[in-house]
C-alpha cells in the first residue's frame, strides 16, 4: 500500500510542478517519496479551495462554497492524522455538495490523505503545521485584503513557509534556526509566485501584491483595473519590489542549506535556483512578460539544476546571512 501512496505522490508532483519535480530527482528515494506525498496533499488542498485541477483550469464560480470546502478539508485532515481514515471512511468526512465535481471522494483522494498521514507519522511532524497551511487557505476563502508587506508575509508563511518547514523535517531537520531558513525559502517562492501571477490573479478577481506597494507606484488596487494593460508598467514596478524582498529570503535560505545532507542540499539548491529564475525572467521581460507564462525553458531549468551540485558540495562555506527584521514564523507553545 505504501508503494501505491508514494506513486500517487510522484504522479502529483510531476504534473503539478515541473520545477519541484526536477529538483526532487536527486533526493534519496525515501525522502523523495515522502516529499512527493506531502506535495500531493498540499496541491490537492490548494486545488479544492481554488476550484482547480493541479493548479490549472479554475472554475468560474470557484468562490461559491469555499468556506464549506475548507471545513471539509479540515475534517479530512483531522481524520487522517488521527488514524480514523479507514478504507471506506473518507466519504463520512466529505460533503459532496460543498466540493467541486472534479474533487468528489475517490480512490485518488483517499491515497492523498493516507500518504499525508504516513508522512506526518514517520517524520514526527507536528500536526499543527497541517492546520497552519489550512489557515492560509482560510485567508483565501475569507478574501483577505493585503494592505502591507507584513500582511503578505503572514499569508506567504501559511501557504508556503510552513511547507518549507515540513519538507525540512522530512529531511531530518529539527534545529529551529534551520527551520526558520526553510520557512524563508517558502516565503521567497511565494513572493516570486505572486509577482509572476499578478495579471492572472487579477483576472480571477484576486490581488496579492500589497496595496502599499501598488499605490506607491501609481498602480490600482482593484483587480479589474489591475488587469488592464495600461496599468501593467506600474504594477510591474510593484512586482519588482516583491522580487527584491524575495532576494533577502533566498539569501537566508542559502544559509540554512548548509545544514542539510548533500543530496538534500543539492535538491533544495536546485529548487531555489530554478524558482528564482522565474523572477529574473519577469525582471528582464518587463510588463510584457505577463503576456505569456513567465518562466524558464526546460533546458535552462536543467542547467540550473545540474549547476546546483557545486554550491551544494561547497555548502559549508555559505555565508551566515542575518535575519534581522525577517518574518517570525509561529512557534509551538510547548
C-alpha atoms as a PDB file:
ATOM      1  CA  UNK A   1       0.000   0.000   0.000  1.00  0.00           C
ATOM      2  CA  UNK A   2       2.891   2.364   0.814  1.00  0.00           C
ATOM      3  CA  UNK A   3       4.256   1.993  -2.726  1.00  0.00           C
ATOM      4  CA  UNK A   4       0.851   2.948  -4.150  1.00  0.00           C
ATOM      5  CA  UNK A   5       0.710   6.054  -1.937  1.00  0.00           C
ATOM      6  CA  UNK A   6       4.214   7.070  -2.985  1.00  0.00           C
ATOM      7  CA  UNK A   7       3.340   6.543  -6.651  1.00  0.00           C
ATOM      8  CA  UNK A   8       0.321   8.803  -6.218  1.00  0.00           C
ATOM      9  CA  UNK A   9       2.615  11.481  -4.781  1.00  0.00           C
ATOM     10  CA  UNK A  10       5.148  11.153  -7.589  1.00  0.00           C
ATOM     11  CA  UNK A  11       2.438  11.495 -10.213  1.00  0.00           C
ATOM     12  CA  UNK A  12       1.089  14.589  -8.472  1.00  0.00           C
ATOM     13  CA  UNK A  13       4.394  16.441  -8.340  1.00  0.00           C
ATOM     14  CA  UNK A  14       5.244  15.521 -11.946  1.00  0.00           C
ATOM     15  CA  UNK A  15       2.013  17.113 -13.143  1.00  0.00           C
ATOM     16  CA  UNK A  16       1.688  19.912 -10.599  1.00  0.00           C
ATOM     17  CA  UNK A  17       5.191  21.378 -10.605  1.00  0.00           C
ATOM     18  CA  UNK A  18       7.818  20.662 -13.224  1.00  0.00           C
ATOM     19  CA  UNK A  19      10.351  22.746 -11.271  1.00  0.00           C
ATOM     20  CA  UNK A  20       9.923  20.856  -7.991  1.00  0.00           C
ATOM     21  CA  UNK A  21       9.727  17.511  -9.793  1.00  0.00           C
ATOM     22  CA  UNK A  22      13.078  18.212 -11.468  1.00  0.00           C
ATOM     23  CA  UNK A  23      14.741  19.262  -8.216  1.00  0.00           C
ATOM     24  CA  UNK A  24      13.374  16.236  -6.324  1.00  0.00           C
ATOM     25  CA  UNK A  25      15.076  13.733  -8.627  1.00  0.00           C
ATOM     26  CA  UNK A  26      18.357  13.956  -6.730  1.00  0.00           C
ATOM     27  CA  UNK A  27      16.775  13.270  -3.338  1.00  0.00           C
ATOM     28  CA  UNK A  28      17.275   9.868  -1.691  1.00  0.00           C
ATOM     29  CA  UNK A  29      14.273   7.687  -2.692  1.00  0.00           C
ATOM     30  CA  UNK A  30      12.647   7.555   0.760  1.00  0.00           C
ATOM     31  CA  UNK A  31      12.875  11.330   1.207  1.00  0.00           C
ATOM     32  CA  UNK A  32      11.691  11.928  -2.369  1.00  0.00           C
ATOM     33  CA  UNK A  33       8.638   9.745  -1.786  1.00  0.00           C
ATOM     34  CA  UNK A  34       7.723  11.494   1.462  1.00  0.00           C
ATOM     35  CA  UNK A  35       8.245  14.924  -0.113  1.00  0.00           C
ATOM     36  CA  UNK A  36       6.053  13.913  -3.054  1.00  0.00           C
ATOM     37  CA  UNK A  37       3.261  12.643  -0.808  1.00  0.00           C
ATOM     38  CA  UNK A  38       3.323  15.854   1.218  1.00  0.00           C
ATOM     39  CA  UNK A  39       3.280  17.873  -2.010  1.00  0.00           C
ATOM     40  CA  UNK A  40       0.277  15.872  -3.268  1.00  0.00           C
ATOM     41  CA  UNK A  41      -1.728  16.777  -0.157  1.00  0.00           C
ATOM     42  CA  UNK A  42      -0.744  20.462  -0.308  1.00  0.00           C
ATOM     43  CA  UNK A  43      -1.584  20.588  -4.029  1.00  0.00           C
ATOM     44  CA  UNK A  44      -4.934  18.891  -3.515  1.00  0.00           C
ATOM     45  CA  UNK A  45      -5.982  21.251  -0.718  1.00  0.00           C
ATOM     46  CA  UNK A  46      -4.993  24.273  -2.801  1.00  0.00           C
ATOM     47  CA  UNK A  47      -6.936  22.931  -5.793  1.00  0.00           C
ATOM     48  CA  UNK A  48     -10.063  22.289  -3.733  1.00  0.00           C
ATOM     49  CA  UNK A  49     -10.081  25.838  -2.385  1.00  0.00           C
ATOM     50  CA  UNK A  50      -9.338  27.432  -5.765  1.00  0.00           C
ATOM     51  CA  UNK A  51     -11.601  25.168  -7.829  1.00  0.00           C
ATOM     52  CA  UNK A  52      -8.705  23.937  -9.954  1.00  0.00           C
ATOM     53  CA  UNK A  53      -7.017  20.724 -11.030  1.00  0.00           C
ATOM     54  CA  UNK A  54      -3.246  20.657 -10.449  1.00  0.00           C
ATOM     55  CA  UNK A  55      -3.213  24.446 -10.338  1.00  0.00           C
ATOM     56  CA  UNK A  56      -4.998  24.903 -13.662  1.00  0.00           C
ATOM     57  CA  UNK A  57      -8.488  25.228 -15.143  1.00  0.00           C
ATOM     58  CA  UNK A  58     -10.108  27.378 -12.472  1.00  0.00           C
ATOM     59  CA  UNK A  59     -13.895  27.106 -12.463  1.00  0.00           C
ATOM     60  CA  UNK A  60     -15.751  30.411 -12.904  1.00  0.00           C
ATOM     61  CA  UNK A  61     -17.674  30.235  -9.620  1.00  0.00           C
ATOM     62  CA  UNK A  62     -14.755  28.975  -7.523  1.00  0.00           C
ATOM     63  CA  UNK A  63     -15.630  31.290  -4.635  1.00  0.00           C
ATOM     64  CA  UNK A  64     -19.017  29.645  -4.128  1.00  0.00           C
ATOM     65  CA  UNK A  65     -18.761  27.229  -1.224  1.00  0.00           C
ATOM     66  CA  UNK A  66     -15.114  27.922  -0.418  1.00  0.00           C
ATOM     67  CA  UNK A  67     -15.825  28.043   3.315  1.00  0.00           C
ATOM     68  CA  UNK A  68     -17.626  24.713   3.217  1.00  0.00           C
ATOM     69  CA  UNK A  69     -14.814  23.133   1.204  1.00  0.00           C
ATOM     70  CA  UNK A  70     -12.296  24.416   3.738  1.00  0.00           C
ATOM     71  CA  UNK A  71     -14.204  22.789   6.603  1.00  0.00           C
ATOM     72  CA  UNK A  72     -14.283  19.557   4.593  1.00  0.00           C
ATOM     73  CA  UNK A  73     -10.509  19.691   4.221  1.00  0.00           C
ATOM     74  CA  UNK A  74     -10.088  20.294   7.937  1.00  0.00           C
ATOM     75  CA  UNK A  75     -12.288  17.304   8.749  1.00  0.00           C
ATOM     76  CA  UNK A  76     -10.452  15.065   6.274  1.00  0.00           C
ATOM     77  CA  UNK A  77      -7.066  16.189   7.568  1.00  0.00           C
ATOM     78  CA  UNK A  78      -8.028  15.683  11.208  1.00  0.00           C
ATOM     79  CA  UNK A  79      -9.440  12.266  10.416  1.00  0.00           C
ATOM     80  CA  UNK A  80      -6.283  11.211   8.593  1.00  0.00           C
ATOM     81  CA  UNK A  81      -3.914  12.471  11.275  1.00  0.00           C
ATOM     82  CA  UNK A  82      -5.973  10.780  13.979  1.00  0.00           C
ATOM     83  CA  UNK A  83      -5.770   7.495  12.034  1.00  0.00           C
ATOM     84  CA  UNK A  84      -9.548   7.402  11.605  1.00  0.00           C
ATOM     85  CA  UNK A  85      -9.320   7.351   7.822  1.00  0.00           C
ATOM     86  CA  UNK A  86     -10.185   3.699   7.249  1.00  0.00           C
ATOM     87  CA  UNK A  87     -10.696   2.143   3.830  1.00  0.00           C
ATOM     88  CA  UNK A  88     -14.315   3.212   3.493  1.00  0.00           C
ATOM     89  CA  UNK A  89     -14.300   6.104   5.928  1.00  0.00           C
ATOM     90  CA  UNK A  90     -13.360   9.041   3.729  1.00  0.00           C
ATOM     91  CA  UNK A  91     -16.883   9.682   2.460  1.00  0.00           C
ATOM     92  CA  UNK A  92     -18.097  10.254   6.020  1.00  0.00           C
ATOM     93  CA  UNK A  93     -15.930  13.359   6.176  1.00  0.00           C
ATOM     94  CA  UNK A  94     -16.899  14.803   2.797  1.00  0.00           C
ATOM     95  CA  UNK A  95     -19.882  16.946   1.911  1.00  0.00           C
ATOM     96  CA  UNK A  96     -20.295  16.291  -1.796  1.00  0.00           C
ATOM     97  CA  UNK A  97     -22.393  19.415  -2.229  1.00  0.00           C
ATOM     98  CA  UNK A  98     -19.557  21.556  -0.869  1.00  0.00           C
ATOM     99  CA  UNK A  99     -16.898  20.162  -3.184  1.00  0.00           C
ATOM    100  CA  UNK A 100     -16.360  20.905  -6.901  1.00  0.00           C
ATOM    101  CA  UNK A 101     -17.329  17.977  -9.103  1.00  0.00           C
ATOM    102  CA  UNK A 102     -13.720  17.234 -10.003  1.00  0.00           C
ATOM    103  CA  UNK A 103     -12.937  16.742  -6.314  1.00  0.00           C
ATOM    104  CA  UNK A 104     -15.562  14.122  -5.429  1.00  0.00           C
ATOM    105  CA  UNK A 105     -14.299  11.477  -2.998  1.00  0.00           C
ATOM    106  CA  UNK A 106     -12.491   8.718  -4.817  1.00  0.00           C
ATOM    107  CA  UNK A 107      -9.533   6.396  -4.529  1.00  0.00           C
ATOM    108  CA  UNK A 108      -7.077   9.134  -5.509  1.00  0.00           C
ATOM    109  CA  UNK A 109      -8.249  11.436  -2.725  1.00  0.00           C
ATOM    110  CA  UNK A 110      -8.070   8.656  -0.177  1.00  0.00           C
ATOM    111  CA  UNK A 111      -4.498   7.902  -1.197  1.00  0.00           C
ATOM    112  CA  UNK A 112      -3.574  11.577  -0.880  1.00  0.00           C
ATOM    113  CA  UNK A 113      -4.778  11.739   2.709  1.00  0.00           C
ATOM    114  CA  UNK A 114      -3.334   8.355   3.632  1.00  0.00           C
ATOM    115  CA  UNK A 115       0.007   9.448   2.202  1.00  0.00           C
ATOM    116  CA  UNK A 116      -0.081  12.723   4.124  1.00  0.00           C
ATOM    117  CA  UNK A 117      -0.812  10.899   7.393  1.00  0.00           C
ATOM    118  CA  UNK A 118       2.007   8.447   6.736  1.00  0.00           C
ATOM    119  CA  UNK A 119       4.484  11.262   6.131  1.00  0.00           C
ATOM    120  CA  UNK A 120       3.480  13.094   9.309  1.00  0.00           C
ATOM    121  CA  UNK A 121       3.714   9.902  11.348  1.00  0.00           C
ATOM    122  CA  UNK A 122       7.079   8.586  10.258  1.00  0.00           C
ATOM    123  CA  UNK A 123       8.726  12.025  10.300  1.00  0.00           C
ATOM    124  CA  UNK A 124       7.145  13.127  13.592  1.00  0.00           C
ATOM    125  CA  UNK A 125       5.851  16.343  12.011  1.00  0.00           C
ATOM    126  CA  UNK A 126       3.701  18.298  14.499  1.00  0.00           C
ATOM    127  CA  UNK A 127       0.062  18.184  13.413  1.00  0.00           C
ATOM    128  CA  UNK A 128      -0.287  21.919  13.941  1.00  0.00           C
ATOM    129  CA  UNK A 129       1.688  22.521  10.762  1.00  0.00           C
ATOM    130  CA  UNK A 130      -1.032  20.918   8.654  1.00  0.00           C
ATOM    131  CA  UNK A 131      -3.581  23.289  10.097  1.00  0.00           C
ATOM    132  CA  UNK A 132      -1.275  26.278   9.628  1.00  0.00           C
ATOM    133  CA  UNK A 133      -1.408  25.522   5.908  1.00  0.00           C
ATOM    134  CA  UNK A 134      -5.191  25.312   6.028  1.00  0.00           C
ATOM    135  CA  UNK A 135      -5.244  28.661   7.835  1.00  0.00           C
ATOM    136  CA  UNK A 136      -3.629  30.127   4.731  1.00  0.00           C
ATOM    137  CA  UNK A 137      -6.471  28.765   2.629  1.00  0.00           C
ATOM    138  CA  UNK A 138      -8.857  30.299   5.156  1.00  0.00           C
ATOM    139  CA  UNK A 139      -7.363  33.655   4.191  1.00  0.00           C
ATOM    140  CA  UNK A 140      -8.191  32.835   0.566  1.00  0.00           C
ATOM    141  CA  UNK A 141     -11.741  31.816   1.422  1.00  0.00           C
ATOM    142  CA  UNK A 142     -12.196  34.956   3.534  1.00  0.00           C
ATOM    143  CA  UNK A 143     -10.914  37.158   0.682  1.00  0.00           C
ATOM    144  CA  UNK A 144      -8.346  38.776   2.931  1.00  0.00           C
ATOM    145  CA  UNK A 145      -7.095  42.159   1.722  1.00  0.00           C
ATOM    146  CA  UNK A 146      -3.296  42.547   1.777  1.00  0.00           C
ATOM    147  CA  UNK A 147      -2.562  46.157   2.601  1.00  0.00           C
ATOM    148  CA  UNK A 148       1.061  45.870   3.742  1.00  0.00           C
ATOM    149  CA  UNK A 149       4.151  43.761   3.185  1.00  0.00           C
ATOM    150  CA  UNK A 150       3.682  42.312   6.667  1.00  0.00           C
ATOM    151  CA  UNK A 151       0.226  41.132   5.613  1.00  0.00           C
ATOM    152  CA  UNK A 152       1.531  39.268   2.589  1.00  0.00           C
ATOM    153  CA  UNK A 153       4.422  37.751   4.528  1.00  0.00           C
ATOM    154  CA  UNK A 154       1.934  36.342   7.016  1.00  0.00           C
ATOM    155  CA  UNK A 155      -0.099  34.846   4.171  1.00  0.00           C
ATOM    156  CA  UNK A 156       3.030  33.549   2.453  1.00  0.00           C
ATOM    157  CA  UNK A 157       4.124  31.721   5.584  1.00  0.00           C
ATOM    158  CA  UNK A 158       0.802  29.945   5.887  1.00  0.00           C
ATOM    159  CA  UNK A 159       0.622  28.797   2.255  1.00  0.00           C
ATOM    160  CA  UNK A 160       4.334  28.213   1.588  1.00  0.00           C
ATOM    161  CA  UNK A 161       6.686  28.882   4.505  1.00  0.00           C
ATOM    162  CA  UNK A 162       5.165  26.143   6.607  1.00  0.00           C
ATOM    163  CA  UNK A 163       5.551  23.766   3.664  1.00  0.00           C
ATOM    164  CA  UNK A 164       9.280  24.522   3.738  1.00  0.00           C
ATOM    165  CA  UNK A 165       9.317  23.699   7.438  1.00  0.00           C
ATOM    166  CA  UNK A 166       7.583  20.361   6.865  1.00  0.00           C
ATOM    167  CA  UNK A 167       9.829  19.478   3.929  1.00  0.00           C
ATOM    168  CA  UNK A 168      12.896  20.169   6.066  1.00  0.00           C
ATOM    169  CA  UNK A 169      11.558  17.894   8.775  1.00  0.00           C
ATOM    170  CA  UNK A 170      11.274  15.145   6.175  1.00  0.00           C
ATOM    171  CA  UNK A 171      14.993  15.742   5.524  1.00  0.00           C
ATOM    172  CA  UNK A 172      15.740  15.259   9.208  1.00  0.00           C
ATOM    173  CA  UNK A 173      15.983  18.901  10.316  1.00  0.00           C
ATOM    174  CA  UNK A 174      14.857  19.758  13.839  1.00  0.00           C
ATOM    175  CA  UNK A 175      17.040  22.778  14.655  1.00  0.00           C
ATOM    176  CA  UNK A 176      14.739  25.786  14.972  1.00  0.00           C
ATOM    177  CA  UNK A 177      17.126  28.216  13.293  1.00  0.00           C
ATOM    178  CA  UNK A 178      17.476  25.956  10.263  1.00  0.00           C
ATOM    179  CA  UNK A 179      13.691  25.584  10.126  1.00  0.00           C
ATOM    180  CA  UNK A 180      13.472  29.381  10.086  1.00  0.00           C
ATOM    181  CA  UNK A 181      15.651  29.336   6.969  1.00  0.00           C
ATOM    182  CA  UNK A 182      13.418  26.688   5.409  1.00  0.00           C
ATOM    183  CA  UNK A 183      10.413  28.902   6.072  1.00  0.00           C
ATOM    184  CA  UNK A 184      12.307  31.779   4.445  1.00  0.00           C
ATOM    185  CA  UNK A 185      12.710  29.746   1.256  1.00  0.00           C
ATOM    186  CA  UNK A 186       8.977  29.074   1.195  1.00  0.00           C
ATOM    187  CA  UNK A 187       8.326  32.798   1.568  1.00  0.00           C
ATOM    188  CA  UNK A 188      10.725  33.557  -1.284  1.00  0.00           C
ATOM    189  CA  UNK A 189       8.939  31.035  -3.502  1.00  0.00           C
ATOM    190  CA  UNK A 190       5.544  32.532  -2.685  1.00  0.00           C
ATOM    191  CA  UNK A 191       6.661  36.125  -3.249  1.00  0.00           C
ATOM    192  CA  UNK A 192       8.023  35.027  -6.626  1.00  0.00           C
ATOM    193  CA  UNK A 193       4.704  33.315  -7.381  1.00  0.00           C
ATOM    194  CA  UNK A 194       2.772  36.453  -6.541  1.00  0.00           C
ATOM    195  CA  UNK A 195       4.966  38.614  -8.770  1.00  0.00           C
ATOM    196  CA  UNK A 196       4.648  36.139 -11.646  1.00  0.00           C
ATOM    197  CA  UNK A 197       0.873  35.812 -11.346  1.00  0.00           C
ATOM    198  CA  UNK A 198      -0.180  39.454 -10.854  1.00  0.00           C
ATOM    199  CA  UNK A 199      -2.289  39.571 -14.030  1.00  0.00           C
ATOM    200  CA  UNK A 200      -3.647  36.013 -13.848  1.00  0.00           C
ATOM    201  CA  UNK A 201      -4.717  36.636 -10.259  1.00  0.00           C
ATOM    202  CA  UNK A 202      -6.360  39.937 -11.209  1.00  0.00           C
ATOM    203  CA  UNK A 203      -8.351  38.137 -13.922  1.00  0.00           C
ATOM    204  CA  UNK A 204      -9.602  35.778 -11.191  1.00  0.00           C
ATOM    205  CA  UNK A 205     -10.598  38.763  -9.031  1.00  0.00           C
ATOM    206  CA  UNK A 206      -7.643  38.481  -6.634  1.00  0.00           C
ATOM    207  CA  UNK A 207      -4.849  40.866  -5.661  1.00  0.00           C
ATOM    208  CA  UNK A 208      -1.933  39.612  -3.570  1.00  0.00           C
ATOM    209  CA  UNK A 209       0.543  42.428  -4.186  1.00  0.00           C
ATOM    210  CA  UNK A 210       0.296  44.619  -1.067  1.00  0.00           C
ATOM    211  CA  UNK A 211      -1.740  47.738  -1.655  1.00  0.00           C
ATOM    212  CA  UNK A 212       1.050  49.886  -0.193  1.00  0.00           C
ATOM    213  CA  UNK A 213       3.402  48.788  -2.981  1.00  0.00           C
ATOM    214  CA  UNK A 214       0.847  49.216  -5.741  1.00  0.00           C
ATOM    215  CA  UNK A 215      -0.163  52.696  -4.590  1.00  0.00           C
ATOM    216  CA  UNK A 216       3.465  53.764  -4.219  1.00  0.00           C
ATOM    217  CA  UNK A 217       3.923  53.193  -7.955  1.00  0.00           C
ATOM    218  CA  UNK A 218       0.574  54.603  -9.027  1.00  0.00           C
ATOM    219  CA  UNK A 219      -0.947  51.206  -9.769  1.00  0.00           C
ATOM    220  CA  UNK A 220      -4.602  50.484  -8.994  1.00  0.00           C
ATOM    221  CA  UNK A 221      -5.568  48.071  -6.229  1.00  0.00           C
ATOM    222  CA  UNK A 222      -8.786  46.907  -7.883  1.00  0.00           C
ATOM    223  CA  UNK A 223      -8.364  43.661  -9.866  1.00  0.00           C
ATOM    224  CA  UNK A 224     -10.496  44.811 -12.823  1.00  0.00           C
ATOM    225  CA  UNK A 225      -8.217  47.835 -13.273  1.00  0.00           C
ATOM    226  CA  UNK A 226      -5.001  45.997 -12.492  1.00  0.00           C
ATOM    227  CA  UNK A 227      -5.568  43.557 -15.345  1.00  0.00           C
ATOM    228  CA  UNK A 228      -5.776  46.348 -17.920  1.00  0.00           C
ATOM    229  CA  UNK A 229      -2.527  46.597 -19.974  1.00  0.00           C
ATOM    230  CA  UNK A 230      -2.142  50.354 -19.476  1.00  0.00           C
ATOM    231  CA  UNK A 231      -1.642  49.671 -15.760  1.00  0.00           C
ATOM    232  CA  UNK A 232       0.925  46.904 -16.211  1.00  0.00           C
ATOM    233  CA  UNK A 233       4.038  49.146 -16.122  1.00  0.00           C
ATOM    234  CA  UNK A 234       3.143  50.497 -12.679  1.00  0.00           C
ATOM    235  CA  UNK A 235       2.125  47.040 -11.472  1.00  0.00           C
ATOM    236  CA  UNK A 236       5.413  45.618 -12.752  1.00  0.00           C
ATOM    237  CA  UNK A 237       7.345  48.069 -10.566  1.00  0.00           C
ATOM    238  CA  UNK A 238       5.407  46.839  -7.541  1.00  0.00           C
ATOM    239  CA  UNK A 239       6.082  43.234  -8.584  1.00  0.00           C
ATOM    240  CA  UNK A 240       9.811  44.004  -8.781  1.00  0.00           C
ATOM    241  CA  UNK A 241       9.592  45.345  -5.209  1.00  0.00           C
ATOM    242  CA  UNK A 242       8.305  41.911  -4.194  1.00  0.00           C
ATOM    243  CA  UNK A 243      11.137  40.235  -6.089  1.00  0.00           C
ATOM    244  CA  UNK A 244      13.627  42.486  -4.286  1.00  0.00           C
ATOM    245  CA  UNK A 245      12.085  41.402  -0.995  1.00  0.00           C
ATOM    246  CA  UNK A 246      12.312  37.764  -2.072  1.00  0.00           C
ATOM    247  CA  UNK A 247      16.050  38.133  -2.713  1.00  0.00           C
ATOM    248  CA  UNK A 248      16.708  38.529   1.010  1.00  0.00           C
ATOM    249  CA  UNK A 249      14.702  35.427   1.816  1.00  0.00           C
ATOM    250  CA  UNK A 250      16.526  33.436  -0.881  1.00  0.00           C
ATOM    251  CA  UNK A 251      19.842  34.552   0.644  1.00  0.00           C
ATOM    252  CA  UNK A 252      18.695  33.487   4.095  1.00  0.00           C
ATOM    253  CA  UNK A 253      17.661  30.094   2.751  1.00  0.00           C
ATOM    254  CA  UNK A 254      21.152  29.507   1.345  1.00  0.00           C
ATOM    255  CA  UNK A 255      22.475  29.756   4.894  1.00  0.00           C
ATOM    256  CA  UNK A 256      20.090  27.020   6.026  1.00  0.00           C
ATOM    257  CA  UNK A 257      21.033  24.705   3.157  1.00  0.00           C
ATOM    258  CA  UNK A 258      24.491  24.204   4.655  1.00  0.00           C
ATOM    259  CA  UNK A 259      22.891  22.117   7.430  1.00  0.00           C
ATOM    260  CA  UNK A 260      21.344  19.588   5.028  1.00  0.00           C
ATOM    261  CA  UNK A 261      22.820  16.277   3.815  1.00  0.00           C
ATOM    262  CA  UNK A 262      24.441  16.586   0.379  1.00  0.00           C
ATOM    263  CA  UNK A 263      21.630  15.168  -1.782  1.00  0.00           C
ATOM    264  CA  UNK A 264      19.035  17.205   0.083  1.00  0.00           C
ATOM    265  CA  UNK A 265      21.208  20.313  -0.230  1.00  0.00           C
ATOM    266  CA  UNK A 266      21.541  19.702  -3.972  1.00  0.00           C
ATOM    267  CA  UNK A 267      17.794  19.295  -4.410  1.00  0.00           C
ATOM    268  CA  UNK A 268      16.924  22.407  -2.414  1.00  0.00           C
ATOM    269  CA  UNK A 269      19.617  24.476  -4.110  1.00  0.00           C
ATOM    270  CA  UNK A 270      18.262  23.314  -7.468  1.00  0.00           C
ATOM    271  CA  UNK A 271      14.724  24.285  -6.485  1.00  0.00           C
ATOM    272  CA  UNK A 272      15.961  27.678  -5.277  1.00  0.00           C
ATOM    273  CA  UNK A 273      17.893  28.398  -8.466  1.00  0.00           C
ATOM    274  CA  UNK A 274      15.134  27.217 -10.802  1.00  0.00           C
ATOM    275  CA  UNK A 275      12.402  29.098  -8.960  1.00  0.00           C
ATOM    276  CA  UNK A 276      14.418  32.270  -8.541  1.00  0.00           C
ATOM    277  CA  UNK A 277      14.868  32.265 -12.315  1.00  0.00           C
ATOM    278  CA  UNK A 278      11.133  32.942 -12.670  1.00  0.00           C
ATOM    279  CA  UNK A 279      11.677  36.297 -11.016  1.00  0.00           C
ATOM    280  CA  UNK A 280      14.700  37.007 -13.170  1.00  0.00           C
ATOM    281  CA  UNK A 281      12.677  36.345 -16.323  1.00  0.00           C
ATOM    282  CA  UNK A 282       9.987  38.744 -15.105  1.00  0.00           C
ATOM    283  CA  UNK A 283      12.570  41.412 -14.300  1.00  0.00           C
ATOM    284  CA  UNK A 284      14.200  41.165 -17.716  1.00  0.00           C
ATOM    285  CA  UNK A 285      10.946  40.883 -19.621  1.00  0.00           C
ATOM    286  CA  UNK A 286       9.270  43.923 -18.114  1.00  0.00           C
ATOM    287  CA  UNK A 287       5.476  44.264 -18.120  1.00  0.00           C
ATOM    288  CA  UNK A 288       5.304  42.468 -21.487  1.00  0.00           C
ATOM    289  CA  UNK A 289       6.429  39.274 -19.780  1.00  0.00           C
ATOM    290  CA  UNK A 290       2.886  38.918 -18.469  1.00  0.00           C
ATOM    291  CA  UNK A 291       1.597  38.444 -21.994  1.00  0.00           C
ATOM    292  CA  UNK A 292       2.610  34.788 -21.707  1.00  0.00           C
ATOM    293  CA  UNK A 293       3.547  32.299 -19.000  1.00  0.00           C
ATOM    294  CA  UNK A 294       6.521  33.656 -17.069  1.00  0.00           C
ATOM    295  CA  UNK A 295       9.179  31.028 -16.567  1.00  0.00           C
ATOM    296  CA  UNK A 296      12.392  29.404 -17.746  1.00  0.00           C
ATOM    297  CA  UNK A 297      12.638  26.889 -20.551  1.00  0.00           C
ATOM    298  CA  UNK A 298      13.355  23.231 -19.898  1.00  0.00           C
ATOM    299  CA  UNK A 299      16.984  23.476 -20.979  1.00  0.00           C
ATOM    300  CA  UNK A 300      17.614  26.422 -18.699  1.00  0.00           C
ATOM    301  CA  UNK A 301      15.987  24.597 -15.767  1.00  0.00           C
ATOM    302  CA  UNK A 302      18.124  21.503 -16.308  1.00  0.00           C
ATOM    303  CA  UNK A 303      21.254  23.632 -16.491  1.00  0.00           C
ATOM    304  CA  UNK A 304      20.392  25.406 -13.254  1.00  0.00           C
ATOM    305  CA  UNK A 305      19.588  22.122 -11.503  1.00  0.00           C
ATOM    306  CA  UNK A 306      22.836  20.474 -12.592  1.00  0.00           C
ATOM    307  CA  UNK A 307      24.798  23.579 -11.654  1.00  0.00           C
ATOM    308  CA  UNK A 308      23.309  23.426  -8.159  1.00  0.00           C
ATOM    309  CA  UNK A 309      25.561  20.476  -7.390  1.00  0.00           C
ATOM    310  CA  UNK A 310      28.660  22.608  -6.891  1.00  0.00           C
ATOM    311  CA  UNK A 311      27.214  25.030  -4.293  1.00  0.00           C
ATOM    312  CA  UNK A 312      25.722  22.001  -2.542  1.00  0.00           C
ATOM    313  CA  UNK A 313      29.206  20.484  -2.276  1.00  0.00           C
ATOM    314  CA  UNK A 314      30.531  23.829  -1.004  1.00  0.00           C
ATOM    315  CA  UNK A 315      27.581  24.465   1.302  1.00  0.00           C
ATOM    316  CA  UNK A 316      29.683  24.601   4.469  1.00  0.00           C
ATOM    317  CA  UNK A 317      31.190  27.844   3.140  1.00  0.00           C
ATOM    318  CA  UNK A 318      27.809  29.570   2.835  1.00  0.00           C
ATOM    319  CA  UNK A 319      27.694  32.963   4.499  1.00  0.00           C
ATOM    320  CA  UNK A 320      25.680  33.404   7.676  1.00  0.00           C
ATOM    321  CA  UNK A 321      23.092  35.769   6.239  1.00  0.00           C
ATOM    322  CA  UNK A 322      21.386  37.782   9.030  1.00  0.00           C
ATOM    323  CA  UNK A 323      17.615  37.500   9.523  1.00  0.00           C
ATOM    324  CA  UNK A 324      17.134  40.816  11.318  1.00  0.00           C
ATOM    325  CA  UNK A 325      13.653  42.151  10.595  1.00  0.00           C
ATOM    326  CA  UNK A 326      12.554  38.994   8.793  1.00  0.00           C
ATOM    327  CA  UNK A 327       9.180  37.341   9.263  1.00  0.00           C
ATOM    328  CA  UNK A 328       8.995  35.417  12.548  1.00  0.00           C
ATOM    329  CA  UNK A 329       7.125  32.164  12.000  1.00  0.00           C
ATOM    330  CA  UNK A 330       4.768  30.912  14.743  1.00  0.00           C
ATOM    331  CA  UNK A 331       6.440  28.730  17.322  1.00  0.00           C
ATOM    332  CA  UNK A 332       4.992  25.941  19.426  1.00  0.00           C
ATOM    333  CA  UNK A 333       3.627  26.962  22.801  1.00  0.00           C
ATOM    334  CA  UNK A 334       5.202  23.868  24.345  1.00  0.00           C
END
